[in-house]
Amino acid sequence: MKRVLTVFLTIVMLFAIAGCSNSGTTANTPQKPAESPKAEKIRIALVLPATVDDMAWGQSMVEGLKAVQKSMGEDKVELATSEKLGNAVDAGAAIRQYATQGYDIILAHGSQYQSVLGEIAKDFPKTTFAYGTGFTTGPNIFAYDPQAQEGGYLLGMLAGKMSKSGIVGIVGPVESGDAVKYNYGVQQGVAKAKSDVQTRIAYTGSFNDIVGAGNLAKTHISAGADFLTGSSQQAVGALRAVAETEGKYWLSTDMDQSSLAPNHVLASQVYNWEKVATKIIELRKQGTLGGQRLSLNLADGTIQFKYNEKLADKVPAEVKAAIEQAKQDIVSGKVKVELPKK
């Protein structure tokens, strides 16, 4: 009898142990919900020589990155920006700090940052760096290079075909980078449209001289120019001078500046930085941290030609058709916009 009782108690204990180990089978032991995997966030830092609202080179990149963040989701893209770092030493300190903080991609948005990146990138081999306008790369450095002469050529054609005075004025910053390429494009476009239209160029010697750019624009206007253009953040000074004079038109580059002077900005060359930034993100995810030169051009849509809708009806249909044909010829390679010989 004692043996039977012992066997019975043993069986009861085994069932009790099995019941305890079978988690989640009773109302008193609810299962803990499985944790969803955290979204992988990519951290991007932007270093600017000017301001985030310069209506030109800097702001165009800021808006491009915001578009990337909106497209991918704020939970997947973190953005940080440092502005007014035209001095390469100050910019270098900011770039190094971002790298130390673990940012995945650091965009140094200016050609003046090339040598600084070359030094810093070696210390952070897992970080992706990018800069432009440039072409020199490194194992973890991308260079981006807008073919500014392409849109410049189309804007030059527009000015050449529509100028009544026969004079087109260019307000340049410094004779380097995409500014020179843009000016060459404008000159060739004007000459293609009408050989007897003059193109006059003057440089302030700075990217940030808004007052100087305005004064140069007034000088061009006094000399008879009825179409003006220019690149860099200082261009807003020239645009404001144009907006003060009736019958004068401005052609913008880097971004659409028509919001500043809707009655005077006729058309724009627009850089699509969203596509460039997305390309860098995709390459990094594939394991390519740098080593490539990324070209912006009309063919892949990273450069776009845009009319100001408010003034589009002022451009004759035959002029629009000629510009569209020129665009297609550039895309196909039939027309090659020449650059200065190095």
Protein backbone atom coordinates (compact mmCIF):
# COMPACT_ATOMS: atom_id res chain seq x y z
CA MET A 1 0.00 0.00 0.00
CA LYS A 2 2.86 2.38 0.89
CA ARG A 3 4.49 1.63 -2.49
CA VAL A 4 1.25 2.46 -4.36
CA LEU A 5 0.88 5.74 -2.50
CA THR A 6 4.47 6.71 -3.32
CA VAL A 7 3.91 6.06 -7.05
CA PHE A 8 0.70 8.09 -7.00
CA LEU A 9 2.39 11.12 -5.37
CA THR A 10 5.23 10.92 -7.86
CA ILE A 11 2.80 11.07 -10.80
CA VAL A 12 0.98 14.05 -9.26
CA MET A 13 4.27 15.97 -8.87
CA LEU A 14 5.28 15.28 -12.46
CA PHE A 15 2.00 16.73 -13.74
CA ALA A 16 2.46 19.79 -11.52
CA ILE A 17 5.99 20.38 -12.86
CA ALA A 18 4.78 20.00 -16.45
CA GLY A 19 2.02 22.52 -15.83
CA CYS A 20 4.46 25.09 -14.45
CA SER A 21 6.88 24.73 -17.38
CA ASN A 22 4.15 25.07 -20.02
CA SER A 23 4.19 28.90 -20.07
CA GLY A 24 1.26 30.79 -21.46
CA THR A 25 -1.27 27.92 -21.24
CA THR A 26 -3.41 29.40 -18.46
CA ALA A 27 -5.30 32.66 -18.03
CA ASN A 28 -3.02 33.61 -15.15
CA THR A 29 0.20 33.46 -17.24
CA PRO A 30 -0.25 35.74 -20.28
CA GLN A 31 2.45 35.67 -22.97
CA LYS A 32 4.72 38.71 -23.27
CA PRO A 33 4.23 40.27 -26.71
CA ALA A 34 7.20 39.92 -29.02
CA GLU A 35 9.22 43.11 -29.45
CA SER A 36 9.22 44.50 -32.98
CA PRO A 37 12.70 45.09 -34.38
CA LYS A 38 13.84 48.70 -34.17
CA ALA A 39 13.97 50.56 -37.49
CA GLU A 40 17.54 51.05 -38.65
CA LYS A 41 18.25 54.80 -38.58
CA ILE A 42 20.85 56.44 -40.77
CA ARG A 43 22.41 59.59 -39.34
CA ILE A 44 23.38 62.33 -41.80
CA ALA A 45 25.26 65.53 -40.97
CA LEU A 46 25.53 68.52 -43.31
CA VAL A 47 28.25 71.18 -43.10
CA LEU A 48 27.56 74.41 -45.02
CA PRO A 49 29.79 77.35 -45.92
CA ALA A 50 26.81 79.72 -45.91
CA THR A 51 23.32 79.50 -44.38
CA VAL A 52 20.48 77.01 -44.56
CA ASP A 53 18.24 79.65 -46.17
CA ASP A 54 20.59 81.21 -48.74
CA MET A 55 18.18 80.44 -51.63
CA ALA A 56 21.09 78.91 -53.51
CA TRP A 57 23.79 76.25 -53.06
CA GLY A 58 23.22 75.60 -49.37
CA GLN A 59 19.44 75.71 -49.18
CA SER A 60 19.09 73.49 -52.24
CA MET A 61 20.98 70.72 -50.41
CA VAL A 62 19.02 71.28 -47.18
CA GLU A 63 15.75 70.86 -49.04
CA GLY A 64 17.08 67.79 -50.83
CA LEU A 65 17.96 66.11 -47.53
CA LYS A 66 14.60 67.01 -46.03
CA ALA A 67 12.95 65.36 -49.04
CA VAL A 68 15.00 62.21 -48.38
CA GLN A 69 13.93 62.22 -44.74
CA LYS A 70 10.27 62.65 -45.71
CA SER A 71 10.49 59.87 -48.28
CA MET A 72 12.28 57.37 -46.04
CA GLY A 73 10.63 58.44 -42.78
CA GLU A 74 11.87 60.50 -39.85
CA ASP A 75 12.29 57.30 -37.84
CA LYS A 76 14.86 56.12 -40.38
CA VAL A 77 16.76 59.33 -41.19
CA GLU A 78 18.26 61.72 -38.65
CA LEU A 79 19.57 65.07 -39.90
CA ALA A 80 21.97 67.55 -38.32
CA THR A 81 23.26 70.77 -39.89
CA SER A 82 26.06 73.25 -39.18
CA GLU A 83 26.06 76.50 -41.17
CA LYS A 84 28.31 79.52 -41.76
CA LEU A 85 31.47 77.41 -41.82
CA GLY A 86 33.21 78.91 -44.81
CA ASN A 87 36.51 78.71 -42.95
CA ALA A 88 37.99 75.26 -43.61
CA VAL A 89 39.52 75.00 -40.12
CA ASP A 90 36.20 75.62 -38.37
CA ALA A 91 34.48 73.28 -40.79
CA GLY A 92 37.07 70.60 -40.09
CA ALA A 93 36.35 70.78 -36.37
CA ALA A 94 32.61 70.32 -36.99
CA ILE A 95 33.20 67.44 -39.41
CA ARG A 96 35.45 65.64 -36.95
CA GLN A 97 32.94 66.12 -34.15
CA TYR A 98 30.13 64.63 -36.23
CA ALA A 99 32.33 61.67 -37.10
CA THR A 100 33.21 61.16 -33.44
CA GLN A 101 29.51 61.22 -32.57
CA GLY A 102 28.92 58.31 -34.92
CA TYR A 103 27.16 59.95 -37.84
CA ASP A 104 27.02 57.56 -40.81
CA ILE A 105 27.23 60.12 -43.64
CA ILE A 106 28.80 63.58 -43.45
CA LEU A 107 28.22 65.94 -46.37
CA ALA A 108 30.70 68.81 -46.57
CA HIS A 109 28.89 70.98 -49.08
CA GLY A 110 31.71 72.95 -50.66
CA SER A 111 34.78 72.40 -52.79
CA GLN A 112 36.90 74.16 -50.16
CA TYR A 113 36.48 71.13 -47.88
CA GLN A 114 38.35 68.68 -50.11
CA SER A 115 41.70 68.73 -48.30
CA VAL A 116 40.05 68.74 -44.85
CA LEU A 117 38.07 65.62 -45.68
CA GLY A 118 41.16 63.90 -47.01
CA GLU A 119 42.78 64.25 -43.58
CA ILE A 120 39.76 63.40 -41.41
CA ALA A 121 38.39 60.48 -43.43
CA LYS A 122 41.49 58.37 -42.70
CA ASP A 123 40.67 58.46 -38.97
CA PHE A 124 37.09 57.26 -39.47
CA PRO A 125 37.22 54.46 -42.07
CA LYS A 126 33.64 53.32 -41.35
CA THR A 127 32.15 56.78 -41.93
CA THR A 128 31.03 57.96 -45.37
CA PHE A 129 32.11 61.48 -46.35
CA ALA A 130 31.05 63.45 -49.43
CA TYR A 131 31.76 66.90 -50.83
CA GLY A 132 31.32 68.96 -53.96
CA THR A 133 31.90 70.45 -56.38
CA GLY A 134 34.76 68.00 -56.71
CA PHE A 135 36.16 64.92 -58.42
CA THR A 136 38.91 63.60 -56.10
CA THR A 137 37.64 60.65 -54.06
CA GLY A 138 38.93 58.26 -51.36
CA PRO A 139 37.97 54.84 -49.98
CA ASN A 140 35.25 56.48 -47.87
CA ILE A 141 34.89 59.79 -49.73
CA PHE A 142 32.39 60.53 -52.50
CA ALA A 143 32.73 63.61 -54.70
CA TYR A 144 29.70 65.09 -56.42
CA ASP A 145 30.10 67.22 -59.50
CA PRO A 146 27.20 69.22 -61.03
CA GLN A 147 27.52 69.64 -64.78
CA ALA A 148 26.34 73.19 -64.36
CA GLN A 149 27.21 74.03 -67.95
CA GLU A 150 24.28 71.94 -69.21
CA GLY A 151 21.50 73.93 -67.57
CA GLY A 152 23.57 77.07 -68.12
CA TYR A 153 23.51 76.40 -71.85
CA LEU A 154 19.70 76.17 -71.89
CA LEU A 155 19.32 79.34 -69.83
CA GLY A 156 21.79 81.08 -72.13
CA MET A 157 19.72 80.09 -75.14
CA LEU A 158 16.63 81.51 -73.46
CA ALA A 159 18.39 84.80 -72.76
CA GLY A 160 19.92 84.99 -76.24
CA LYS A 161 16.62 84.40 -78.00
CA MET A 162 14.60 86.80 -75.85
CA SER A 163 17.02 89.64 -75.14
CA LYS A 164 15.89 92.91 -76.69
CA SER A 165 18.98 94.91 -75.75
CA GLY A 166 21.42 92.32 -77.06
CA ILE A 167 23.33 92.24 -73.74
CA VAL A 168 23.30 89.46 -71.13
CA GLY A 169 25.03 90.06 -67.79
CA ILE A 170 26.63 87.41 -65.55
CA VAL A 171 27.43 88.14 -61.90
CA GLY A 172 30.04 85.57 -60.91
CA PRO A 173 31.48 84.73 -57.48
CA VAL A 174 34.94 83.18 -57.95
CA GLU A 175 36.47 81.75 -61.12
CA SER A 176 36.38 78.13 -59.97
CA GLY A 177 34.21 75.04 -59.60
CA ASP A 178 30.72 74.84 -61.00
CA ALA A 179 30.52 78.66 -61.18
CA VAL A 180 32.97 78.69 -64.09
CA LYS A 181 31.25 75.73 -65.74
CA TYR A 182 27.90 77.47 -65.42
CA ASN A 183 29.22 80.70 -66.94
CA TYR A 184 30.75 78.82 -69.88
CA GLY A 185 27.44 77.11 -70.49
CA VAL A 186 25.53 80.38 -70.46
CA GLN A 187 27.98 81.97 -72.89
CA GLN A 188 27.70 79.10 -75.35
CA GLY A 189 23.91 79.02 -75.09
CA VAL A 190 23.66 82.73 -75.81
CA ALA A 191 25.99 82.41 -78.82
CA LYS A 192 23.99 79.45 -80.14
CA ALA A 193 20.73 81.37 -79.88
CA LYS A 194 21.94 84.59 -81.49
CA SER A 195 25.53 85.30 -82.41
CA ASP A 196 25.28 89.09 -82.09
CA VAL A 197 24.11 89.05 -78.45
CA GLN A 198 26.93 89.97 -76.06
CA THR A 199 27.63 88.16 -72.78
CA ARG A 200 29.46 90.18 -70.15
CA ILE A 201 30.93 88.58 -67.00
CA ALA A 202 32.11 90.24 -63.80
CA TYR A 203 33.25 88.53 -60.58
CA THR A 204 32.96 89.74 -56.99
CA GLY A 205 35.81 87.50 -55.83
CA SER A 206 33.63 85.97 -53.14
CA PHE A 207 30.77 83.52 -52.72
CA ASN A 208 29.14 85.59 -49.99
CA ASP A 209 29.34 89.21 -51.17
CA ILE A 210 25.63 89.95 -51.49
CA VAL A 211 26.15 93.72 -51.61
CA GLY A 212 28.92 93.42 -54.19
CA ALA A 213 26.77 91.14 -56.34
CA GLY A 214 23.96 93.70 -56.22
CA ASN A 215 26.32 96.47 -57.29
CA LEU A 216 27.65 94.39 -60.21
CA ALA A 217 24.09 93.66 -61.32
CA LYS A 218 23.29 97.39 -61.30
CA THR A 219 26.41 98.02 -63.38
CA HIS A 220 25.29 95.40 -65.91
CA ILE A 221 21.83 96.95 -66.06
CA SER A 222 23.27 100.45 -66.54
CA ALA A 223 25.30 99.05 -69.45
CA GLY A 224 22.11 97.79 -71.09
CA ALA A 225 21.72 94.18 -69.93
CA ASP A 226 18.10 93.06 -69.82
CA PHE A 227 18.83 89.42 -68.84
CA LEU A 228 21.10 88.61 -65.90
CA THR A 229 22.21 85.48 -64.10
CA GLY A 230 24.76 84.28 -61.57
CA SER A 231 25.57 81.49 -59.15
CA SER A 232 26.35 81.00 -55.44
CA GLN A 233 24.64 82.37 -52.33
CA GLN A 234 25.58 85.93 -53.19
CA ALA A 235 23.31 85.77 -56.23
CA VAL A 236 20.31 86.90 -54.18
CA GLY A 237 21.91 90.36 -54.05
CA ALA A 238 22.03 90.52 -57.84
CA LEU A 239 18.49 89.18 -58.11
CA ARG A 240 17.16 91.90 -55.80
CA ALA A 241 18.81 94.54 -57.99
CA VAL A 242 17.13 93.03 -61.06
CA ALA A 243 13.77 93.00 -59.27
CA GLU A 244 14.01 96.77 -58.76
CA THR A 245 13.99 97.41 -62.51
CA GLU A 246 10.97 96.85 -64.75
CA GLY A 247 11.52 94.73 -67.85
CA LYS A 248 14.65 93.00 -66.55
CA TYR A 249 14.82 89.23 -66.05
CA TRP A 250 16.88 86.90 -63.89
CA LEU A 251 17.83 83.28 -64.65
CA SER A 252 18.64 81.30 -61.51
CA THR A 253 20.80 78.28 -60.85
CA ASP A 254 21.24 75.87 -57.91
CA MET A 255 17.54 76.19 -57.11
CA ASP A 256 14.34 77.93 -58.20
CA GLN A 257 14.55 81.51 -56.90
CA SER A 258 11.22 82.69 -58.31
CA SER A 259 9.72 83.01 -54.81
CA LEU A 260 12.08 85.98 -54.23
CA ALA A 261 11.03 87.85 -57.38
CA PRO A 262 8.09 86.12 -59.10
CA ASN A 263 7.84 88.84 -61.76
CA HIS A 264 11.50 88.70 -62.72
CA VAL A 265 12.82 85.12 -62.46
CA LEU A 266 12.01 83.62 -65.84
CA ALA A 267 13.55 80.15 -65.50
CA SER A 268 15.92 78.11 -63.35
CA GLN A 269 18.46 75.32 -63.36
CA VAL A 270 17.60 73.17 -60.33
CA TYR A 271 19.89 70.61 -58.67
CA ASN A 272 18.04 67.51 -57.47
CA TRP A 273 20.07 66.73 -54.34
CA GLU A 274 17.45 64.26 -53.15
CA LYS A 275 18.52 61.82 -55.86
CA VAL A 276 22.21 62.33 -55.09
CA ALA A 277 21.78 61.81 -51.35
CA THR A 278 19.59 58.75 -51.93
CA LYS A 279 22.30 57.30 -54.19
CA ILE A 280 24.94 57.76 -51.47
CA ILE A 281 22.67 56.08 -48.90
CA GLU A 282 22.02 53.13 -51.22
CA LEU A 283 25.72 52.69 -52.01
CA ARG A 284 26.59 52.73 -48.32
CA LYS A 285 23.98 50.07 -47.57
CA GLN A 286 25.60 47.94 -50.28
CA GLY A 287 28.99 48.33 -48.61
CA THR A 288 30.42 51.10 -50.81
CA LEU A 289 31.52 53.88 -48.48
CA GLY A 290 33.12 56.11 -51.11
CA GLY A 291 35.48 56.02 -54.04
CA GLN A 292 33.04 57.34 -56.64
CA ARG A 293 32.46 60.65 -58.39
CA LEU A 294 28.74 61.32 -58.71
CA SER A 295 27.86 63.52 -61.67
CA LEU A 296 24.73 65.69 -61.73
CA ASN A 297 23.36 66.10 -65.25
CA LEU A 298 20.26 66.53 -67.36
CA ALA A 299 20.28 62.90 -68.51
CA ASP A 300 19.50 61.35 -65.12
CA GLY A 301 17.31 64.16 -63.78
CA THR A 302 19.76 65.32 -61.12
CA ILE A 303 19.73 68.61 -63.03
CA GLN A 304 16.37 70.00 -64.08
CA PHE A 305 15.30 72.95 -66.21
CA LYS A 306 12.27 74.76 -64.88
CA TYR A 307 10.18 77.72 -66.06
CA ASN A 308 8.54 80.11 -63.64
CA GLU A 309 4.88 79.20 -64.10
CA LYS A 310 3.79 82.80 -63.55
CA LEU A 311 5.93 84.02 -66.47
CA ALA A 312 5.90 80.93 -68.69
CA ASP A 313 3.47 82.52 -71.15
CA LYS A 314 6.02 85.26 -71.85
CA VAL A 315 8.27 82.68 -73.52
CA PRO A 316 7.23 82.12 -77.16
CA ALA A 317 6.35 78.55 -78.14
CA GLU A 318 9.15 78.42 -80.72
CA VAL A 319 11.70 79.41 -78.07
CA LYS A 320 10.46 76.68 -75.73
CA ALA A 321 10.66 74.18 -78.57
CA ALA A 322 14.24 75.18 -79.40
CA ILE A 323 15.29 74.84 -75.76
CA GLU A 324 13.61 71.45 -75.42
CA GLN A 325 15.39 70.23 -78.55
CA ALA A 326 18.71 71.48 -77.18
CA LYS A 327 18.03 69.65 -73.93
CA GLN A 328 17.40 66.40 -75.79
CA ASP A 329 20.56 66.93 -77.86
CA ILE A 330 22.63 67.37 -74.65
CA VAL A 331 21.08 64.26 -73.12
CA SER A 332 21.78 62.18 -76.24
CA GLY A 333 25.32 63.50 -76.55
CA LYS A 334 24.67 65.21 -79.87
CA VAL A 335 25.51 68.56 -78.28
CA LYS A 336 28.56 68.80 -76.04
CA VAL A 337 28.80 71.91 -73.92
CA GLU A 338 32.49 72.77 -73.82
CA LEU A 339 34.41 73.51 -70.65
CA PRO A 340 37.54 75.62 -70.19
CA LYS A 341 40.79 73.88 -70.96
CA LYS A 342 42.80 72.97 -67.86
